Amino acid sequence: MSDERHPLPALDRRAADAMWADYARASPATVRASAEYTVEAFGDSVELADALLAEVLHGSKRATAELVDAHIADGDALPRVGSHWVVCDGTGAPRLILRSIELRIGTFSSVDAQFAYDEGEDDRTLESWQREHRRYWQRTCAARGTVFSEESDEIMLERFRVVWPPEHAD
């Protein structure tokens, strides 16, 4: 894959809301227990959104990490266990609904080899996780006018499962 990146388009919230309504009709008890959801894409570009979504669809990606400050800067509250998010592809179209099954706040050095493996990216090693996330957070922090700090930035570490649509659900 080339290093060329195209910014993500606006996410199709109307289509995401329709997908959520379908899920809510099919899983009313789950939605009653946790009715909040966000609409998001992985990464900061069309290419990264599609590549990471492909890893989820393939089944290798069942975790993700984001800087707490970045999540808040995007206007989103931190998720809680049981909350949902509608994942959009690089065109902004909703493709999946994920449900958070484990969350913790940590630092860069607190990420272990199992979490790196569960993220399902690159060769799934801790070394590649560190290299790629360092590059990603340096880039995204610079775009927000901040500087990434491995020592002090808090990272939201999330494990999830795919719950919708049925043909992709875990």
N, C-alpha and C. Protein backbone atom coordinates (compact mmCIF):
# COMPACT_ATOMS: atom_id res chain seq x y z
N MET A 1 0.85 -1.17 0.00
CA MET A 1 0.00 0.00 0.00
C MET A 1 0.89 1.24 0.00
N SER A 2 0.54 2.24 -0.78
CA SER A 2 1.33 3.47 -0.84
C SER A 2 1.08 4.30 0.42
N ASP A 3 1.94 5.29 0.62
CA ASP A 3 1.79 6.17 1.77
C ASP A 3 0.80 7.31 1.50
N GLU A 4 0.25 7.36 0.28
CA GLU A 4 -0.71 8.41 -0.04
C GLU A 4 -1.98 8.20 0.78
N ARG A 5 -2.46 9.29 1.37
CA ARG A 5 -3.66 9.22 2.21
C ARG A 5 -4.68 10.23 1.73
N HIS A 6 -5.90 9.79 1.71
CA HIS A 6 -7.01 10.67 1.34
C HIS A 6 -7.88 10.85 2.57
N PRO A 7 -8.26 12.09 2.87
CA PRO A 7 -9.07 12.33 4.08
C PRO A 7 -10.40 11.59 4.02
N LEU A 8 -10.86 11.21 5.18
CA LEU A 8 -12.16 10.54 5.26
C LEU A 8 -13.27 11.51 4.89
N PRO A 9 -14.26 11.03 4.14
CA PRO A 9 -15.42 11.88 3.85
C PRO A 9 -16.34 11.93 5.07
N ALA A 10 -17.36 12.75 4.98
CA ALA A 10 -18.38 12.76 6.03
C ALA A 10 -19.00 11.37 6.12
N LEU A 11 -19.25 10.94 7.35
CA LEU A 11 -19.86 9.63 7.56
C LEU A 11 -21.36 9.74 7.32
N ASP A 12 -21.94 8.72 6.71
CA ASP A 12 -23.36 8.71 6.37
C ASP A 12 -24.18 8.34 7.61
N ARG A 13 -24.48 9.34 8.41
CA ARG A 13 -25.18 9.11 9.68
C ARG A 13 -26.62 8.62 9.46
N ARG A 14 -27.26 9.06 8.39
CA ARG A 14 -28.62 8.58 8.11
C ARG A 14 -28.60 7.07 7.87
N ALA A 15 -27.67 6.60 7.06
CA ALA A 15 -27.56 5.16 6.80
C ALA A 15 -27.12 4.42 8.06
N ALA A 16 -26.25 5.04 8.86
CA ALA A 16 -25.82 4.41 10.12
C ALA A 16 -26.99 4.28 11.08
N ASP A 17 -27.82 5.31 11.16
CA ASP A 17 -29.01 5.24 12.02
C ASP A 17 -29.96 4.15 11.54
N ALA A 18 -30.09 3.98 10.22
CA ALA A 18 -30.94 2.92 9.68
C ALA A 18 -30.37 1.54 10.03
N MET A 19 -29.03 1.39 9.93
CA MET A 19 -28.42 0.13 10.31
C MET A 19 -28.66 -0.15 11.79
N TRP A 20 -28.51 0.89 12.62
CA TRP A 20 -28.74 0.74 14.05
C TRP A 20 -30.19 0.32 14.31
N ALA A 21 -31.14 0.91 13.61
CA ALA A 21 -32.56 0.57 13.79
C ALA A 21 -32.81 -0.90 13.45
N ASP A 22 -32.17 -1.40 12.40
CA ASP A 22 -32.29 -2.82 12.04
C ASP A 22 -31.74 -3.70 13.16
N TYR A 23 -30.58 -3.33 13.68
CA TYR A 23 -29.97 -4.08 14.77
C TYR A 23 -30.86 -4.03 16.01
N ALA A 24 -31.40 -2.87 16.32
CA ALA A 24 -32.25 -2.70 17.51
C ALA A 24 -33.50 -3.57 17.41
N ARG A 25 -34.07 -3.67 16.22
CA ARG A 25 -35.25 -4.54 16.04
C ARG A 25 -34.88 -6.01 16.23
N ALA A 26 -33.68 -6.39 15.80
CA ALA A 26 -33.26 -7.78 15.89
C ALA A 26 -32.74 -8.15 17.28
N SER A 27 -32.25 -7.17 18.04
CA SER A 27 -31.63 -7.42 19.35
C SER A 27 -32.16 -6.45 20.40
N PRO A 28 -33.48 -6.43 20.64
CA PRO A 28 -34.04 -5.41 21.53
C PRO A 28 -33.51 -5.47 22.96
N ALA A 29 -33.26 -6.64 23.50
CA ALA A 29 -32.78 -6.72 24.88
C ALA A 29 -31.37 -6.15 25.00
N THR A 30 -30.53 -6.44 24.02
CA THR A 30 -29.16 -5.90 24.04
C THR A 30 -29.18 -4.39 23.93
N VAL A 31 -30.01 -3.87 23.07
CA VAL A 31 -30.10 -2.41 22.90
C VAL A 31 -30.70 -1.76 24.13
N ARG A 32 -31.66 -2.41 24.78
CA ARG A 32 -32.21 -1.84 26.03
C ARG A 32 -31.11 -1.74 27.09
N ALA A 33 -30.20 -2.70 27.12
CA ALA A 33 -29.12 -2.70 28.10
C ALA A 33 -28.07 -1.64 27.80
N SER A 34 -27.94 -1.27 26.54
CA SER A 34 -26.94 -0.28 26.14
C SER A 34 -27.38 0.37 24.83
N ALA A 35 -28.16 1.42 24.94
CA ALA A 35 -28.78 2.03 23.77
C ALA A 35 -27.90 3.07 23.08
N GLU A 36 -26.77 3.45 23.70
CA GLU A 36 -25.94 4.48 23.06
C GLU A 36 -25.02 3.85 22.02
N TYR A 37 -24.74 4.64 20.99
CA TYR A 37 -23.79 4.21 19.96
C TYR A 37 -23.17 5.44 19.32
N THR A 38 -21.98 5.22 18.76
CA THR A 38 -21.31 6.26 17.99
C THR A 38 -21.19 5.78 16.56
N VAL A 39 -20.90 6.70 15.67
CA VAL A 39 -20.68 6.40 14.26
C VAL A 39 -19.25 6.85 13.96
N GLU A 40 -18.41 5.89 13.57
CA GLU A 40 -16.98 6.18 13.39
C GLU A 40 -16.40 5.35 12.26
N ALA A 41 -15.19 5.72 11.86
CA ALA A 41 -14.39 4.91 10.95
C ALA A 41 -13.05 4.68 11.64
N PHE A 42 -12.38 3.60 11.28
CA PHE A 42 -11.04 3.37 11.79
C PHE A 42 -10.07 4.33 11.10
N GLY A 43 -9.06 4.80 11.83
CA GLY A 43 -7.97 5.54 11.21
C GLY A 43 -8.30 6.96 10.84
N ASP A 44 -7.40 7.54 10.03
CA ASP A 44 -7.50 8.95 9.67
C ASP A 44 -7.52 9.16 8.16
N SER A 45 -7.75 8.09 7.40
CA SER A 45 -7.77 8.23 5.94
C SER A 45 -8.69 7.17 5.34
N VAL A 46 -9.06 7.41 4.10
CA VAL A 46 -9.86 6.42 3.36
C VAL A 46 -9.14 5.08 3.35
N GLU A 47 -7.85 5.12 3.05
CA GLU A 47 -7.07 3.89 2.90
C GLU A 47 -6.99 3.11 4.21
N LEU A 48 -6.73 3.82 5.31
CA LEU A 48 -6.61 3.14 6.60
C LEU A 48 -7.97 2.63 7.08
N ALA A 49 -9.02 3.41 6.87
CA ALA A 49 -10.37 2.97 7.25
C ALA A 49 -10.71 1.65 6.55
N ASP A 50 -10.44 1.58 5.26
CA ASP A 50 -10.76 0.37 4.51
C ASP A 50 -9.86 -0.81 4.89
N ALA A 51 -8.58 -0.54 5.10
CA ALA A 51 -7.65 -1.61 5.46
C ALA A 51 -8.00 -2.21 6.82
N LEU A 52 -8.30 -1.37 7.80
CA LEU A 52 -8.62 -1.88 9.14
C LEU A 52 -9.99 -2.55 9.16
N LEU A 53 -10.95 -2.00 8.43
CA LEU A 53 -12.25 -2.66 8.31
C LEU A 53 -12.08 -4.05 7.70
N ALA A 54 -11.22 -4.17 6.70
CA ALA A 54 -10.98 -5.49 6.08
C ALA A 54 -10.44 -6.48 7.10
N GLU A 55 -9.58 -6.03 8.01
CA GLU A 55 -9.07 -6.92 9.06
C GLU A 55 -10.18 -7.37 10.00
N VAL A 56 -11.13 -6.47 10.30
CA VAL A 56 -12.28 -6.85 11.13
C VAL A 56 -13.12 -7.88 10.38
N LEU A 57 -13.41 -7.61 9.12
CA LEU A 57 -14.22 -8.54 8.32
C LEU A 57 -13.53 -9.88 8.16
N HIS A 58 -12.22 -9.88 8.06
CA HIS A 58 -11.43 -11.11 7.94
C HIS A 58 -11.45 -11.90 9.25
N GLY A 59 -11.65 -11.21 10.37
CA GLY A 59 -11.71 -11.87 11.67
C GLY A 59 -10.45 -11.71 12.51
N SER A 60 -9.42 -11.10 11.97
CA SER A 60 -8.17 -10.99 12.73
C SER A 60 -8.17 -9.81 13.69
N LYS A 61 -8.94 -8.78 13.43
CA LYS A 61 -8.94 -7.59 14.28
C LYS A 61 -10.14 -7.61 15.22
N ARG A 62 -9.85 -7.70 16.52
CA ARG A 62 -10.90 -7.67 17.54
C ARG A 62 -10.52 -6.74 18.69
N ALA A 63 -9.63 -5.80 18.39
CA ALA A 63 -9.23 -4.79 19.38
C ALA A 63 -8.81 -3.53 18.64
N THR A 64 -8.81 -2.42 19.35
CA THR A 64 -8.37 -1.16 18.78
C THR A 64 -7.86 -0.26 19.90
N ALA A 65 -7.08 0.72 19.53
CA ALA A 65 -6.50 1.64 20.50
C ALA A 65 -6.61 3.05 19.96
N GLU A 66 -6.91 3.99 20.85
CA GLU A 66 -6.99 5.39 20.46
C GLU A 66 -6.53 6.25 21.63
N LEU A 67 -5.89 7.35 21.33
CA LEU A 67 -5.52 8.27 22.38
C LEU A 67 -6.78 8.86 23.01
N VAL A 68 -6.82 8.90 24.32
CA VAL A 68 -7.98 9.46 25.02
C VAL A 68 -8.22 10.90 24.56
N ASP A 69 -7.15 11.71 24.49
CA ASP A 69 -7.30 13.10 24.06
C ASP A 69 -7.88 13.22 22.66
N ALA A 70 -7.49 12.34 21.76
CA ALA A 70 -8.02 12.37 20.39
C ALA A 70 -9.49 12.03 20.38
N HIS A 71 -9.88 11.05 21.16
CA HIS A 71 -11.29 10.64 21.23
C HIS A 71 -12.14 11.82 21.72
N ILE A 72 -11.66 12.48 22.76
CA ILE A 72 -12.39 13.62 23.32
C ILE A 72 -12.40 14.78 22.33
N ALA A 73 -11.27 15.02 21.65
CA ALA A 73 -11.20 16.10 20.66
C ALA A 73 -12.20 15.88 19.53
N ASP A 74 -12.51 14.63 19.23
CA ASP A 74 -13.51 14.32 18.20
C ASP A 74 -14.94 14.55 18.69
N GLY A 75 -15.09 14.90 19.97
CA GLY A 75 -16.41 15.18 20.51
C GLY A 75 -17.14 13.97 21.03
N ASP A 76 -16.44 12.86 21.19
CA ASP A 76 -17.08 11.63 21.66
C ASP A 76 -16.76 11.39 23.13
N ALA A 77 -17.75 10.92 23.87
CA ALA A 77 -17.49 10.46 25.24
C ALA A 77 -16.76 9.13 25.14
N LEU A 78 -15.97 8.81 26.15
CA LEU A 78 -15.32 7.50 26.15
C LEU A 78 -16.39 6.42 26.21
N PRO A 79 -16.19 5.34 25.47
CA PRO A 79 -17.19 4.27 25.52
C PRO A 79 -17.18 3.57 26.87
N ARG A 80 -18.17 2.74 27.07
CA ARG A 80 -18.20 1.90 28.26
C ARG A 80 -18.41 0.47 27.77
N VAL A 81 -18.10 -0.48 28.62
CA VAL A 81 -18.33 -1.87 28.26
C VAL A 81 -19.81 -2.04 27.95
N GLY A 82 -20.09 -2.64 26.82
CA GLY A 82 -21.46 -2.84 26.38
C GLY A 82 -21.93 -1.81 25.36
N SER A 83 -21.20 -0.71 25.22
CA SER A 83 -21.62 0.29 24.24
C SER A 83 -21.30 -0.19 22.82
N HIS A 84 -21.89 0.46 21.86
CA HIS A 84 -21.79 0.06 20.46
C HIS A 84 -21.19 1.18 19.62
N TRP A 85 -20.63 0.78 18.48
CA TRP A 85 -20.30 1.77 17.46
C TRP A 85 -20.54 1.20 16.08
N VAL A 86 -21.08 2.06 15.24
CA VAL A 86 -21.31 1.73 13.85
C VAL A 86 -20.03 2.11 13.11
N VAL A 87 -19.42 1.13 12.45
CA VAL A 87 -18.16 1.36 11.74
C VAL A 87 -18.45 1.62 10.27
N CYS A 88 -17.90 2.71 9.78
CA CYS A 88 -18.06 3.08 8.38
C CYS A 88 -16.79 2.76 7.60
N ASP A 89 -16.96 2.55 6.32
CA ASP A 89 -15.81 2.30 5.46
C ASP A 89 -15.23 3.62 4.95
N GLY A 90 -14.28 3.54 4.04
CA GLY A 90 -13.62 4.73 3.53
C GLY A 90 -14.49 5.65 2.71
N THR A 91 -15.69 5.20 2.31
CA THR A 91 -16.62 6.08 1.61
C THR A 91 -17.57 6.77 2.58
N GLY A 92 -17.52 6.36 3.86
CA GLY A 92 -18.44 6.90 4.86
C GLY A 92 -19.68 6.07 5.06
N ALA A 93 -19.79 4.94 4.34
CA ALA A 93 -20.97 4.07 4.44
C ALA A 93 -20.82 3.13 5.63
N PRO A 94 -21.90 2.93 6.39
CA PRO A 94 -21.84 2.00 7.53
C PRO A 94 -21.73 0.56 7.04
N ARG A 95 -20.88 -0.21 7.73
CA ARG A 95 -20.66 -1.59 7.33
C ARG A 95 -20.91 -2.59 8.44
N LEU A 96 -20.58 -2.22 9.69
CA LEU A 96 -20.68 -3.14 10.82
C LEU A 96 -21.10 -2.40 12.07
N ILE A 97 -21.63 -3.17 13.02
CA ILE A 97 -21.82 -2.64 14.37
C ILE A 97 -20.96 -3.49 15.30
N LEU A 98 -20.16 -2.79 16.10
CA LEU A 98 -19.29 -3.44 17.07
C LEU A 98 -19.81 -3.15 18.47
N ARG A 99 -19.54 -4.07 19.39
CA ARG A 99 -19.91 -3.88 20.79
C ARG A 99 -18.66 -4.02 21.65
N SER A 100 -18.41 -3.02 22.48
CA SER A 100 -17.24 -3.05 23.37
C SER A 100 -17.43 -4.12 24.42
N ILE A 101 -16.42 -4.99 24.55
CA ILE A 101 -16.50 -6.05 25.56
C ILE A 101 -15.44 -5.91 26.64
N GLU A 102 -14.44 -5.06 26.37
CA GLU A 102 -13.40 -4.81 27.38
C GLU A 102 -12.77 -3.46 27.07
N LEU A 103 -12.60 -2.67 28.10
CA LEU A 103 -11.97 -1.36 27.97
C LEU A 103 -11.01 -1.14 29.11
N ARG A 104 -9.89 -0.51 28.80
CA ARG A 104 -9.01 -0.05 29.86
C ARG A 104 -8.23 1.14 29.33
N ILE A 105 -7.78 1.96 30.26
CA ILE A 105 -6.93 3.09 29.93
C ILE A 105 -5.51 2.71 30.33
N GLY A 106 -4.57 2.92 29.43
CA GLY A 106 -3.19 2.59 29.73
C GLY A 106 -2.26 3.57 29.04
N THR A 107 -0.99 3.26 29.09
CA THR A 107 0.02 4.04 28.40
C THR A 107 0.61 3.18 27.29
N PHE A 108 1.43 3.79 26.48
CA PHE A 108 2.07 3.10 25.37
C PHE A 108 2.80 1.85 25.87
N SER A 109 3.53 1.98 26.96
CA SER A 109 4.32 0.85 27.46
C SER A 109 3.47 -0.22 28.14
N SER A 110 2.20 0.08 28.42
CA SER A 110 1.35 -0.92 29.08
C SER A 110 0.71 -1.90 28.10
N VAL A 111 0.85 -1.65 26.80
CA VAL A 111 0.28 -2.55 25.80
C VAL A 111 1.16 -3.79 25.72
N ASP A 112 0.51 -4.95 25.81
CA ASP A 112 1.25 -6.21 25.78
C ASP A 112 1.10 -6.91 24.43
N ALA A 113 1.85 -8.00 24.28
CA ALA A 113 1.86 -8.74 23.02
C ALA A 113 0.48 -9.30 22.67
N GLN A 114 -0.31 -9.70 23.66
CA GLN A 114 -1.63 -10.25 23.37
C GLN A 114 -2.55 -9.18 22.79
N PHE A 115 -2.50 -7.97 23.36
CA PHE A 115 -3.34 -6.89 22.81
C PHE A 115 -2.91 -6.57 21.38
N ALA A 116 -1.59 -6.48 21.15
CA ALA A 116 -1.09 -6.21 19.80
C ALA A 116 -1.59 -7.29 18.83
N TYR A 117 -1.56 -8.53 19.25
CA TYR A 117 -2.03 -9.63 18.42
C TYR A 117 -3.53 -9.46 18.12
N ASP A 118 -4.31 -9.12 19.15
CA ASP A 118 -5.76 -8.98 18.99
C ASP A 118 -6.12 -7.80 18.08
N GLU A 119 -5.24 -6.81 17.97
CA GLU A 119 -5.51 -5.70 17.04
C GLU A 119 -5.45 -6.19 15.61
N GLY A 120 -4.73 -7.28 15.35
CA GLY A 120 -4.78 -7.94 14.05
C GLY A 120 -4.10 -7.21 12.91
N GLU A 121 -3.22 -6.28 13.20
CA GLU A 121 -2.61 -5.48 12.15
C GLU A 121 -1.18 -5.93 11.88
N ASP A 122 -0.70 -5.64 10.67
CA ASP A 122 0.67 -5.90 10.25
C ASP A 122 1.00 -7.37 10.55
N ASP A 123 2.11 -7.63 11.26
CA ASP A 123 2.45 -9.03 11.56
C ASP A 123 1.97 -9.46 12.95
N ARG A 124 1.18 -8.60 13.60
CA ARG A 124 0.52 -8.86 14.87
C ARG A 124 1.48 -8.94 16.06
N THR A 125 2.72 -8.48 15.89
CA THR A 125 3.67 -8.49 17.00
C THR A 125 3.60 -7.18 17.77
N LEU A 126 4.08 -7.20 19.00
CA LEU A 126 4.15 -5.99 19.80
C LEU A 126 5.08 -4.96 19.13
N GLU A 127 6.15 -5.42 18.54
CA GLU A 127 7.10 -4.51 17.90
C GLU A 127 6.43 -3.76 16.74
N SER A 128 5.68 -4.46 15.91
CA SER A 128 5.01 -3.77 14.79
C SER A 128 3.89 -2.88 15.31
N TRP A 129 3.19 -3.32 16.36
CA TRP A 129 2.15 -2.48 16.97
C TRP A 129 2.77 -1.16 17.43
N GLN A 130 3.88 -1.25 18.14
CA GLN A 130 4.53 -0.04 18.65
C GLN A 130 4.98 0.86 17.50
N ARG A 131 5.63 0.29 16.50
CA ARG A 131 6.12 1.08 15.37
C ARG A 131 4.99 1.79 14.64
N GLU A 132 3.94 1.05 14.31
CA GLU A 132 2.85 1.63 13.51
C GLU A 132 2.00 2.60 14.32
N HIS A 133 1.74 2.29 15.57
CA HIS A 133 0.95 3.22 16.39
C HIS A 133 1.74 4.48 16.73
N ARG A 134 3.03 4.33 16.94
CA ARG A 134 3.88 5.52 17.16
C ARG A 134 3.77 6.44 15.94
N ARG A 135 3.93 5.90 14.74
CA ARG A 135 3.83 6.71 13.51
C ARG A 135 2.45 7.33 13.38
N TYR A 136 1.42 6.53 13.63
CA TYR A 136 0.05 7.03 13.50
C TYR A 136 -0.21 8.18 14.48
N TRP A 137 0.13 7.98 15.75
CA TRP A 137 -0.15 9.01 16.75
C TRP A 137 0.74 10.23 16.58
N GLN A 138 1.95 10.06 16.11
CA GLN A 138 2.77 11.24 15.81
C GLN A 138 2.11 12.05 14.70
N ARG A 139 1.61 11.37 13.68
CA ARG A 139 0.95 12.05 12.56
C ARG A 139 -0.36 12.72 12.98
N THR A 140 -1.21 11.99 13.72
CA THR A 140 -2.51 12.56 14.08
C THR A 140 -2.39 13.65 15.14
N CYS A 141 -1.44 13.50 16.05
CA CYS A 141 -1.22 14.57 17.03
C CYS A 141 -0.71 15.82 16.33
N ALA A 142 0.22 15.67 15.40
CA ALA A 142 0.73 16.83 14.66
C ALA A 142 -0.41 17.53 13.92
N ALA A 143 -1.34 16.76 13.35
CA ALA A 143 -2.47 17.34 12.64
C ALA A 143 -3.38 18.13 13.58
N ARG A 144 -3.41 17.75 14.87
CA ARG A 144 -4.23 18.47 15.87
C ARG A 144 -3.43 19.56 16.58
N GLY A 145 -2.13 19.68 16.23
CA GLY A 145 -1.30 20.70 16.86
C GLY A 145 -0.75 20.30 18.21
N THR A 146 -0.67 19.00 18.47
CA THR A 146 -0.10 18.50 19.71
C THR A 146 1.07 17.58 19.39
N VAL A 147 1.71 17.08 20.43
CA VAL A 147 2.84 16.17 20.27
C VAL A 147 2.53 14.89 21.05
N PHE A 148 2.71 13.75 20.40
CA PHE A 148 2.48 12.47 21.04
C PHE A 148 3.57 12.19 22.07
N SER A 149 3.17 11.74 23.26
CA SER A 149 4.11 11.36 24.30
C SER A 149 3.85 9.91 24.71
N GLU A 150 4.82 9.05 24.45
CA GLU A 150 4.70 7.65 24.85
C GLU A 150 4.59 7.51 26.37
N GLU A 151 5.20 8.42 27.10
CA GLU A 151 5.26 8.32 28.55
C GLU A 151 3.98 8.81 29.23
N SER A 152 3.33 9.83 28.67
CA SER A 152 2.23 10.43 29.42
C SER A 152 0.86 10.37 28.75
N ASP A 153 0.78 10.19 27.45
CA ASP A 153 -0.53 10.15 26.81
C ASP A 153 -1.29 8.90 27.22
N GLU A 154 -2.54 9.09 27.60
CA GLU A 154 -3.39 7.95 27.93
C GLU A 154 -3.98 7.37 26.65
N ILE A 155 -4.05 6.04 26.62
CA ILE A 155 -4.57 5.32 25.47
C ILE A 155 -5.77 4.50 25.92
N MET A 156 -6.85 4.60 25.16
CA MET A 156 -8.03 3.78 25.40
C MET A 156 -7.82 2.48 24.62
N LEU A 157 -7.74 1.38 25.33
CA LEU A 157 -7.53 0.06 24.75
C LEU A 157 -8.85 -0.69 24.82
N GLU A 158 -9.36 -1.05 23.67
CA GLU A 158 -10.71 -1.61 23.58
C GLU A 158 -10.69 -2.94 22.83
N ARG A 159 -11.37 -3.91 23.41
CA ARG A 159 -11.66 -5.15 22.70
C ARG A 159 -13.14 -5.12 22.36
N PHE A 160 -13.49 -5.70 21.23
CA PHE A 160 -14.87 -5.65 20.75
C PHE A 160 -15.24 -6.96 20.07
N ARG A 161 -16.53 -7.09 19.84
CA ARG A 161 -17.00 -8.17 18.98
C ARG A 161 -17.93 -7.57 17.94
N VAL A 162 -18.04 -8.22 16.81
CA VAL A 162 -18.93 -7.78 15.75
C VAL A 162 -20.31 -8.34 16.06
N VAL A 163 -21.32 -7.47 16.08
CA VAL A 163 -22.67 -7.92 16.41
C VAL A 163 -23.67 -7.75 15.26
N TRP A 164 -23.32 -7.01 14.22
CA TRP A 164 -24.25 -6.76 13.12
C TRP A 164 -23.48 -6.34 11.89
N PRO A 165 -23.93 -6.74 10.71
CA PRO A 165 -25.07 -7.58 10.36
C PRO A 165 -24.78 -9.06 10.64
N PRO A 166 -25.84 -9.85 10.66
CA PRO A 166 -25.71 -11.25 11.07
C PRO A 166 -24.65 -12.04 10.30
N GLU A 167 -24.47 -11.76 9.02
CA GLU A 167 -23.49 -12.53 8.25
C GLU A 167 -22.04 -12.25 8.66
N HIS A 168 -21.82 -11.19 9.42
CA HIS A 168 -20.47 -10.87 9.91
C HIS A 168 -20.33 -10.99 11.41
N ALA A 169 -21.44 -11.25 12.11
CA ALA A 169 -21.41 -11.28 13.58
C ALA A 169 -20.55 -12.43 14.08
N ASP A 170 -19.87 -12.15 15.21
CA ASP A 170 -19.05 -13.17 15.86
C ASP A 170 -19.92 -14.27 16.44
